[in-house]
Amino acid sequence: MKYLASLVEKVGKERFDAEFGKAVTGTDIKPRASRERTTTAAKRLTKAAARKLIGALAGR
């Protein structure tokens, strides 16, 4: 979680929202709400979705 939080600080909320939406597509996880913190949204991720999001934010 700490690594994902540090990535969010580096890339910004706009990119996080875009990549978060892509990472949760096809799952039961809903996109981040407008007033929801990024760390709260990240806690809702499954391991697979978190890996996908980290890969996208890190540029892999």
Protein backbone atom coordinates (compact mmCIF):
# COMPACT_ATOMS: atom_id res chain seq x y z
CA MET A 1 0.00 0.00 0.00
CA LYS A 2 2.78 2.41 0.79
CA TYR A 3 4.30 1.91 -2.65
CA LEU A 4 0.98 2.61 -4.35
CA ALA A 5 0.46 5.72 -2.23
CA SER A 6 3.90 7.04 -3.20
CA LEU A 7 3.15 6.39 -6.87
CA VAL A 8 -0.07 8.38 -6.60
CA GLU A 9 1.83 11.33 -5.18
CA LYS A 10 4.24 11.21 -8.12
CA VAL A 11 1.74 10.83 -10.96
CA GLY A 12 -1.17 12.93 -9.67
CA LYS A 13 -4.85 12.35 -9.04
CA GLU A 14 -5.97 12.76 -12.65
CA ARG A 15 -3.74 9.97 -13.93
CA PHE A 16 -4.61 7.82 -10.91
CA ASP A 17 -8.31 8.19 -11.68
CA ALA A 18 -7.79 7.22 -15.31
CA GLU A 19 -5.64 4.19 -14.52
CA PHE A 20 -7.85 3.18 -11.57
CA GLY A 21 -10.84 3.09 -13.89
CA LYS A 22 -8.97 0.86 -16.32
CA ALA A 23 -7.72 -1.43 -13.54
CA VAL A 24 -11.19 -2.05 -12.10
CA THR A 25 -12.91 -2.59 -15.44
CA GLY A 26 -14.53 -6.00 -15.46
CA THR A 27 -14.52 -6.34 -11.65
CA ASP A 28 -17.11 -5.60 -8.99
CA ILE A 29 -15.04 -2.64 -7.76
CA LYS A 30 -16.58 0.75 -8.52
CA PRO A 31 -14.51 3.69 -9.81
CA ARG A 32 -13.28 6.27 -7.32
CA ALA A 33 -15.99 8.62 -6.08
CA SER A 34 -15.44 12.36 -6.51
CA ARG A 35 -14.80 13.02 -2.81
CA GLU A 36 -13.09 9.72 -2.02
CA ARG A 37 -9.41 9.83 -1.12
CA THR A 38 -7.00 7.96 -3.33
CA THR A 39 -5.73 5.84 -0.44
CA THR A 40 -9.29 4.83 0.48
CA ALA A 41 -9.97 3.83 -3.11
CA ALA A 42 -6.71 1.88 -3.28
CA LYS A 43 -7.68 -0.11 -0.18
CA ARG A 44 -10.72 -1.46 -2.04
CA LEU A 45 -8.56 -3.07 -4.73
CA THR A 46 -7.97 -6.77 -5.06
CA LYS A 47 -4.37 -7.95 -5.36
CA ALA A 48 -4.75 -8.48 -9.10
CA ALA A 49 -6.27 -5.04 -9.68
CA ALA A 50 -3.59 -3.43 -7.49
CA ARG A 51 -0.85 -5.11 -9.52
CA LYS A 52 -2.45 -3.92 -12.74
CA LEU A 53 -2.72 -0.37 -11.39
CA ILE A 54 0.86 -0.30 -10.11
CA GLY A 55 2.12 -1.57 -13.44
CA ALA A 56 0.21 1.13 -15.31
CA LEU A 57 1.34 3.93 -12.98
CA ALA A 58 4.95 2.77 -13.01
CA GLY A 59 4.95 2.62 -16.81
CA ARG A 60 5.37 -1.13 -17.21
